[in-house]
PDB file of all heavy atoms in Angstrom:
ATOM      1  N   ALA A   1      40.401  20.478  47.738  1.00  0.00           N
ATOM      2  CA  ALA A   1      41.631  21.260  47.774  1.00  0.00           C
ATOM      3  C   ALA A   1      42.122  21.547  46.356  1.00  0.00           C
ATOM      4  O   ALA A   1      42.647  22.619  46.086  1.00  0.00           O
ATOM      5  CB  ALA A   1      42.711  20.518  48.561  1.00  0.00           C
ATOM      6  N   GLU A   2      41.937  20.579  45.456  1.00  0.00           N
ATOM      7  CA  GLU A   2      42.363  20.720  44.060  1.00  0.00           C
ATOM      8  C   GLU A   2      41.326  20.066  43.158  1.00  0.00           C
ATOM      9  O   GLU A   2      40.784  19.025  43.501  1.00  0.00           O
ATOM     10  CB  GLU A   2      43.684  19.990  43.803  1.00  0.00           C
ATOM     11  CG  GLU A   2      44.873  20.477  44.530  1.00  0.00           C
ATOM     12  CD  GLU A   2      46.096  19.607  44.235  1.00  0.00           C
ATOM     13  OE1 GLU A   2      46.279  19.182  43.071  1.00  0.00           O
ATOM     14  OE2 GLU A   2      46.851  19.340  45.173  1.00  0.00           O
ATOM     15  N   LEU A   3      41.102  20.661  42.004  1.00  0.00           N
ATOM     16  CA  LEU A   3      40.271  20.058  40.971  1.00  0.00           C
ATOM     17  C   LEU A   3      40.887  20.419  39.630  1.00  0.00           C
ATOM     18  O   LEU A   3      40.962  21.598  39.280  1.00  0.00           O
ATOM     19  CB  LEU A   3      38.821  20.559  41.044  1.00  0.00           C
ATOM     20  CG  LEU A   3      37.887  19.997  39.973  1.00  0.00           C
ATOM     21  CD1 LEU A   3      37.754  18.473  40.087  1.00  0.00           C
ATOM     22  CD2 LEU A   3      36.528  20.664  40.046  1.00  0.00           C
ATOM     23  N   ASP A   4      41.361  19.401  38.920  1.00  0.00           N
ATOM     24  CA  ASP A   4      41.966  19.590  37.602  1.00  0.00           C
ATOM     25  C   ASP A   4      41.117  18.866  36.573  1.00  0.00           C
ATOM     26  O   ASP A   4      40.952  17.646  36.646  1.00  0.00           O
ATOM     27  CB  ASP A   4      43.394  19.034  37.571  1.00  0.00           C
ATOM     28  CG  ASP A   4      44.331  19.787  38.483  1.00  0.00           C
ATOM     29  OD1 ASP A   4      44.292  21.028  38.453  1.00  0.00           O
ATOM     30  OD2 ASP A   4      45.089  19.138  39.227  1.00  0.00           O
ATOM     31  N   VAL A   5      40.567  19.621  35.630  1.00  0.00           N
ATOM     32  CA  VAL A   5      39.717  19.066  34.583  1.00  0.00           C
ATOM     33  C   VAL A   5      40.541  18.944  33.307  1.00  0.00           C
ATOM     34  O   VAL A   5      41.197  19.900  32.891  1.00  0.00           O
ATOM     35  CB  VAL A   5      38.479  19.958  34.336  1.00  0.00           C
ATOM     36  CG1 VAL A   5      37.589  19.358  33.264  1.00  0.00           C
ATOM     37  CG2 VAL A   5      37.707  20.163  35.637  1.00  0.00           C
ATOM     38  N   HIS A   6      40.498  17.756  32.711  1.00  0.00           N
ATOM     39  CA  HIS A   6      41.228  17.466  31.480  1.00  0.00           C
ATOM     40  C   HIS A   6      40.256  16.812  30.499  1.00  0.00           C
ATOM     41  O   HIS A   6      40.159  15.586  30.434  1.00  0.00           O
ATOM     42  CB  HIS A   6      42.409  16.524  31.750  1.00  0.00           C
ATOM     43  CG  HIS A   6      43.336  17.031  32.803  1.00  0.00           C
ATOM     44  ND1 HIS A   6      44.327  17.935  32.539  1.00  0.00           N
ATOM     45  CD2 HIS A   6      43.399  16.774  34.141  1.00  0.00           C
ATOM     46  CE1 HIS A   6      44.981  18.205  33.658  1.00  0.00           C
ATOM     47  NE2 HIS A   6      44.432  17.524  34.638  1.00  0.00           N
ATOM     48  N   GLY A   7      39.508  17.628  29.777  1.00  0.00           N
ATOM     49  CA  GLY A   7      38.525  17.084  28.838  1.00  0.00           C
ATOM     50  C   GLY A   7      37.423  16.360  29.574  1.00  0.00           C
ATOM     51  O   GLY A   7      36.720  16.929  30.405  1.00  0.00           O
ATOM     52  N   GLY A   8      37.282  15.056  29.287  1.00  0.00           N
ATOM     53  CA  GLY A   8      36.231  14.246  29.895  1.00  0.00           C
ATOM     54  C   GLY A   8      36.646  13.551  31.174  1.00  0.00           C
ATOM     55  O   GLY A   8      35.943  12.669  31.667  1.00  0.00           O
ATOM     56  N   THR A   9      37.792  13.949  31.732  1.00  0.00           N
ATOM     57  CA  THR A   9      38.288  13.369  32.976  1.00  0.00           C
ATOM     58  C   THR A   9      38.681  14.512  33.912  1.00  0.00           C
ATOM     59  O   THR A   9      39.156  15.552  33.459  1.00  0.00           O
ATOM     60  CB  THR A   9      39.520  12.480  32.711  1.00  0.00           C
ATOM     61  OG1 THR A   9      39.167  11.455  31.781  1.00  0.00           O
ATOM     62  CG2 THR A   9      40.024  11.827  33.982  1.00  0.00           C
ATOM     63  N   ALA A  10      38.489  14.309  35.202  1.00  0.00           N
ATOM     64  CA  ALA A  10      38.886  15.317  36.187  1.00  0.00           C
ATOM     65  C   ALA A  10      39.443  14.608  37.415  1.00  0.00           C
ATOM     66  O   ALA A  10      39.025  13.496  37.751  1.00  0.00           O
ATOM     67  CB  ALA A  10      37.704  16.186  36.577  1.00  0.00           C
ATOM     68  N   ILE A  11      40.392  15.260  38.054  1.00  0.00           N
ATOM     69  CA  ILE A  11      41.012  14.728  39.265  1.00  0.00           C
ATOM     70  C   ILE A  11      40.714  15.702  40.399  1.00  0.00           C
ATOM     71  O   ILE A  11      41.006  16.891  40.303  1.00  0.00           O
ATOM     72  CB  ILE A  11      42.528  14.565  39.085  1.00  0.00           C
ATOM     73  CG1 ILE A  11      42.814  13.626  37.911  1.00  0.00           C
ATOM     74  CG2 ILE A  11      43.172  14.048  40.374  1.00  0.00           C
ATOM     75  CD1 ILE A  11      44.242  13.699  37.411  1.00  0.00           C
ATOM     76  N   GLU A  12      40.127  15.165  41.465  1.00  0.00           N
ATOM     77  CA  GLU A  12      39.792  15.967  42.638  1.00  0.00           C
ATOM     78  C   GLU A  12      40.518  15.401  43.854  1.00  0.00           C
ATOM     79  O   GLU A  12      40.506  14.189  44.079  1.00  0.00           O
ATOM     80  CB  GLU A  12      38.284  15.938  42.881  1.00  0.00           C
ATOM     81  CG  GLU A  12      37.851  16.721  44.098  1.00  0.00           C
ATOM     82  CD  GLU A  12      36.351  16.656  44.347  1.00  0.00           C
ATOM     83  OE1 GLU A  12      35.620  15.983  43.600  1.00  0.00           O
ATOM     84  OE2 GLU A  12      35.922  17.288  45.317  1.00  0.00           O
ATOM     85  N   ILE A  13      41.137  16.281  44.626  1.00  0.00           N
ATOM     86  CA  ILE A  13      41.815  15.894  45.858  1.00  0.00           C
ATOM     87  C   ILE A  13      41.268  16.774  46.968  1.00  0.00           C
ATOM     88  O   ILE A  13      41.056  17.972  46.775  1.00  0.00           O
ATOM     89  CB  ILE A  13      43.342  16.084  45.747  1.00  0.00           C
ATOM     90  CG1 ILE A  13      43.901  15.178  44.646  1.00  0.00           C
ATOM     91  CG2 ILE A  13      44.034  15.817  47.083  1.00  0.00           C
ATOM     92  CD1 ILE A  13      45.365  15.434  44.328  1.00  0.00           C
ATOM     93  N   GLY A  14      41.029  16.170  48.132  1.00  0.00           N
ATOM     94  CA  GLY A  14      40.512  16.965  49.237  1.00  0.00           C
ATOM     95  C   GLY A  14      40.468  16.198  50.540  1.00  0.00           C
ATOM     96  O   GLY A  14      41.116  15.163  50.690  1.00  0.00           O
ATOM     97  N   THR A  15      39.682  16.723  51.463  1.00  0.00           N
ATOM     98  CA  THR A  15      39.500  16.098  52.763  1.00  0.00           C
ATOM     99  C   THR A  15      38.028  15.785  52.973  1.00  0.00           C
ATOM    100  O   THR A  15      37.152  16.398  52.365  1.00  0.00           O
ATOM    101  CB  THR A  15      39.996  17.012  53.905  1.00  0.00           C
ATOM    102  OG1 THR A  15      39.290  18.253  53.841  1.00  0.00           O
ATOM    103  CG2 THR A  15      41.485  17.267  53.804  1.00  0.00           C
ATOM    104  N   TYR A  16      37.774  14.804  53.839  1.00  0.00           N
ATOM    105  CA  TYR A  16      36.392  14.477  54.178  1.00  0.00           C
ATOM    106  C   TYR A  16      36.241  14.423  55.680  1.00  0.00           C
ATOM    107  O   TYR A  16      37.205  14.274  56.430  1.00  0.00           O
ATOM    108  CB  TYR A  16      35.952  13.148  53.541  1.00  0.00           C
ATOM    109  CG  TYR A  16      36.602  11.928  54.141  1.00  0.00           C
ATOM    110  CD1 TYR A  16      36.060  11.304  55.259  1.00  0.00           C
ATOM    111  CD2 TYR A  16      37.764  11.393  53.593  1.00  0.00           C
ATOM    112  CE1 TYR A  16      36.654  10.192  55.812  1.00  0.00           C
ATOM    113  CE2 TYR A  16      38.365  10.278  54.136  1.00  0.00           C
ATOM    114  CZ  TYR A  16      37.806   9.681  55.253  1.00  0.00           C
ATOM    115  OH  TYR A  16      38.405   8.569  55.803  1.00  0.00           O
ATOM    116  N   LEU A  17      34.989  14.540  56.112  1.00  0.00           N
ATOM    117  CA  LEU A  17      34.646  14.504  57.524  1.00  0.00           C
ATOM    118  C   LEU A  17      33.298  13.799  57.659  1.00  0.00           C
ATOM    119  O   LEU A  17      32.341  14.150  56.966  1.00  0.00           O
ATOM    120  CB  LEU A  17      34.552  15.935  58.067  1.00  0.00           C
ATOM    121  CG  LEU A  17      34.269  16.124  59.542  1.00  0.00           C
ATOM    122  CD1 LEU A  17      35.409  15.573  60.391  1.00  0.00           C
ATOM    123  CD2 LEU A  17      34.084  17.606  59.821  1.00  0.00           C
ATOM    124  N   ARG A  18      33.248  12.780  58.511  1.00  0.00           N
ATOM    125  CA  ARG A  18      31.992  12.069  58.776  1.00  0.00           C
ATOM    126  C   ARG A  18      31.594  12.339  60.220  1.00  0.00           C
ATOM    127  O   ARG A  18      32.404  12.223  61.133  1.00  0.00           O
ATOM    128  CB  ARG A  18      32.164  10.566  58.547  1.00  0.00           C
ATOM    129  CG  ARG A  18      32.356  10.245  57.077  1.00  0.00           C
ATOM    130  CD  ARG A  18      32.650   8.794  56.860  1.00  0.00           C
ATOM    131  NE  ARG A  18      31.435   7.996  56.975  1.00  0.00           N
ATOM    132  CZ  ARG A  18      31.404   6.683  56.772  1.00  0.00           C
ATOM    133  NH1 ARG A  18      32.496   6.028  56.464  1.00  0.00           N
ATOM    134  NH2 ARG A  18      30.266   6.032  56.887  1.00  0.00           N
ATOM    135  N   ARG A  19      30.322  12.711  60.392  1.00  0.00           N
ATOM    136  CA  ARG A  19      29.795  13.018  61.719  1.00  0.00           C
ATOM    137  C   ARG A  19      28.595  12.132  62.036  1.00  0.00           C
ATOM    138  O   ARG A  19      27.810  11.804  61.146  1.00  0.00           O
ATOM    139  CB  ARG A  19      29.352  14.478  61.787  1.00  0.00           C
ATOM    140  CG  ARG A  19      30.483  15.456  61.754  1.00  0.00           C
ATOM    141  CD  ARG A  19      29.960  16.871  62.064  1.00  0.00           C
ATOM    142  NE  ARG A  19      31.032  17.813  62.118  1.00  0.00           N
ATOM    143  CZ  ARG A  19      31.359  18.628  61.115  1.00  0.00           C
ATOM    144  NH1 ARG A  19      30.689  18.609  59.992  1.00  0.00           N
ATOM    145  NH2 ARG A  19      32.365  19.467  61.251  1.00  0.00           N
ATOM    146  N   LEU A  20      28.458  11.824  63.317  1.00  0.00           N
ATOM    147  CA  LEU A  20      27.275  11.123  63.796  1.00  0.00           C
ATOM    148  C   LEU A  20      26.120  12.106  63.885  1.00  0.00           C
ATOM    149  O   LEU A  20      26.304  13.317  63.764  1.00  0.00           O
ATOM    150  CB  LEU A  20      27.553  10.494  65.163  1.00  0.00           C
ATOM    151  CG  LEU A  20      28.622   9.413  65.182  1.00  0.00           C
ATOM    152  CD1 LEU A  20      28.907   8.985  66.616  1.00  0.00           C
ATOM    153  CD2 LEU A  20      28.176   8.223  64.344  1.00  0.00           C
ATOM    154  N   GLN A  21      24.946  11.584  64.129  1.00  0.00           N
ATOM    155  CA  GLN A  21      23.748  12.417  64.202  1.00  0.00           C
ATOM    156  C   GLN A  21      23.869  13.506  65.268  1.00  0.00           C
ATOM    157  O   GLN A  21      23.331  14.597  65.107  1.00  0.00           O
ATOM    158  CB  GLN A  21      22.537  11.529  64.484  1.00  0.00           C
ATOM    159  CG  GLN A  21      21.228  12.122  64.077  1.00  0.00           C
ATOM    160  CD  GLN A  21      20.136  11.063  64.053  1.00  0.00           C
ATOM    161  OE1 GLN A  21      20.235  10.030  64.699  1.00  0.00           O
ATOM    162  NE2 GLN A  21      19.097  11.318  63.300  1.00  0.00           N
ATOM    163  N   ASP A  22      24.621  13.235  66.341  1.00  0.00           N
ATOM    164  CA  ASP A  22      24.785  14.230  67.399  1.00  0.00           C
ATOM    165  C   ASP A  22      25.832  15.300  67.058  1.00  0.00           C
ATOM    166  O   ASP A  22      26.106  16.182  67.858  1.00  0.00           O
ATOM    167  CB  ASP A  22      25.123  13.566  68.736  1.00  0.00           C
ATOM    168  CG  ASP A  22      26.491  12.894  68.743  1.00  0.00           C
ATOM    169  OD1 ASP A  22      27.267  13.007  67.763  1.00  0.00           O
ATOM    170  OD2 ASP A  22      26.806  12.238  69.759  1.00  0.00           O
ATOM    171  N   GLY A  23      26.442  15.204  65.870  1.00  0.00           N
ATOM    172  CA  GLY A  23      27.421  16.188  65.427  1.00  0.00           C
ATOM    173  C   GLY A  23      28.865  15.831  65.736  1.00  0.00           C
ATOM    174  O   GLY A  23      29.782  16.507  65.279  1.00  0.00           O
ATOM    175  N   SER A  24      29.071  14.763  66.509  1.00  0.00           N
ATOM    176  CA  SER A  24      30.443  14.368  66.835  1.00  0.00           C
ATOM    177  C   SER A  24      31.114  13.711  65.622  1.00  0.00           C
ATOM    178  O   SER A  24      30.472  13.020  64.835  1.00  0.00           O
ATOM    179  CB  SER A  24      30.461  13.422  68.038  1.00  0.00           C
ATOM    180  OG  SER A  24      29.769  12.224  67.725  1.00  0.00           O
ATOM    181  N   THR A  25      32.395  13.943  65.485  1.00  0.00           N
ATOM    182  CA  THR A  25      33.165  13.394  64.367  1.00  0.00           C
ATOM    183  C   THR A  25      33.570  11.965  64.678  1.00  0.00           C
ATOM    184  O   THR A  25      34.097  11.686  65.747  1.00  0.00           O
ATOM    185  CB  THR A  25      34.436  14.248  64.129  1.00  0.00           C
ATOM    186  OG1 THR A  25      34.021  15.565  63.795  1.00  0.00           O
ATOM    187  CG2 THR A  25      35.282  13.682  63.015  1.00  0.00           C
ATOM    188  N   PHE A  26      33.336  11.035  63.725  1.00  0.00           N
ATOM    189  CA  PHE A  26      33.815   9.673  63.939  1.00  0.00           C
ATOM    190  C   PHE A  26      34.812   9.232  62.872  1.00  0.00           C
ATOM    191  O   PHE A  26      35.445   8.200  63.011  1.00  0.00           O
ATOM    192  CB  PHE A  26      32.669   8.672  64.095  1.00  0.00           C
ATOM    193  CG  PHE A  26      31.992   8.264  62.823  1.00  0.00           C
ATOM    194  CD1 PHE A  26      32.420   7.166  62.105  1.00  0.00           C
ATOM    195  CD2 PHE A  26      30.891   8.961  62.365  1.00  0.00           C
ATOM    196  CE1 PHE A  26      31.778   6.778  60.946  1.00  0.00           C
ATOM    197  CE2 PHE A  26      30.240   8.582  61.209  1.00  0.00           C
ATOM    198  CZ  PHE A  26      30.688   7.488  60.500  1.00  0.00           C
ATOM    199  N   ASP A  27      35.005  10.030  61.825  1.00  0.00           N
ATOM    200  CA  ASP A  27      36.026   9.698  60.829  1.00  0.00           C
ATOM    201  C   ASP A  27      36.374  10.961  60.064  1.00  0.00           C
ATOM    202  O   ASP A  27      35.508  11.786  59.778  1.00  0.00           O
ATOM    203  CB  ASP A  27      35.513   8.617  59.869  1.00  0.00           C
ATOM    204  CG  ASP A  27      36.578   8.108  58.916  1.00  0.00           C
ATOM    205  OD1 ASP A  27      37.786   8.200  59.237  1.00  0.00           O
ATOM    206  OD2 ASP A  27      36.204   7.607  57.845  1.00  0.00           O
ATOM    207  N   ARG A  28      37.649  11.095  59.744  1.00  0.00           N
ATOM    208  CA  ARG A  28      38.127  12.191  58.899  1.00  0.00           C
ATOM    209  C   ARG A  28      39.312  11.656  58.116  1.00  0.00           C
ATOM    210  O   ARG A  28      39.966  10.717  58.542  1.00  0.00           O
ATOM    211  CB  ARG A  28      38.494  13.416  59.718  1.00  0.00           C
ATOM    212  CG  ARG A  28      39.741  13.245  60.554  1.00  0.00           C
ATOM    213  CD  ARG A  28      40.172  14.490  61.315  1.00  0.00           C
ATOM    214  NE  ARG A  28      39.195  14.846  62.306  1.00  0.00           N
ATOM    215  CZ  ARG A  28      38.684  16.077  62.458  1.00  0.00           C
ATOM    216  NH1 ARG A  28      39.115  17.065  61.733  1.00  0.00           N
ATOM    217  NH2 ARG A  28      37.774  16.323  63.367  1.00  0.00           N
ATOM    218  N   GLY A  29      39.556  12.271  56.967  1.00  0.00           N
ATOM    219  CA  GLY A  29      40.695  11.817  56.182  1.00  0.00           C
ATOM    220  C   GLY A  29      40.838  12.594  54.892  1.00  0.00           C
ATOM    221  O   GLY A  29      40.278  13.678  54.726  1.00  0.00           O
TER     222      GLY A  29
END
């Protein structure tokens, strides 16, 4: 969602999604 680069450091904010092999979602955040 956001990526701010400050020289040799960067801050990234976003969302994640984990799926099982069958494609079903088992975790998001």
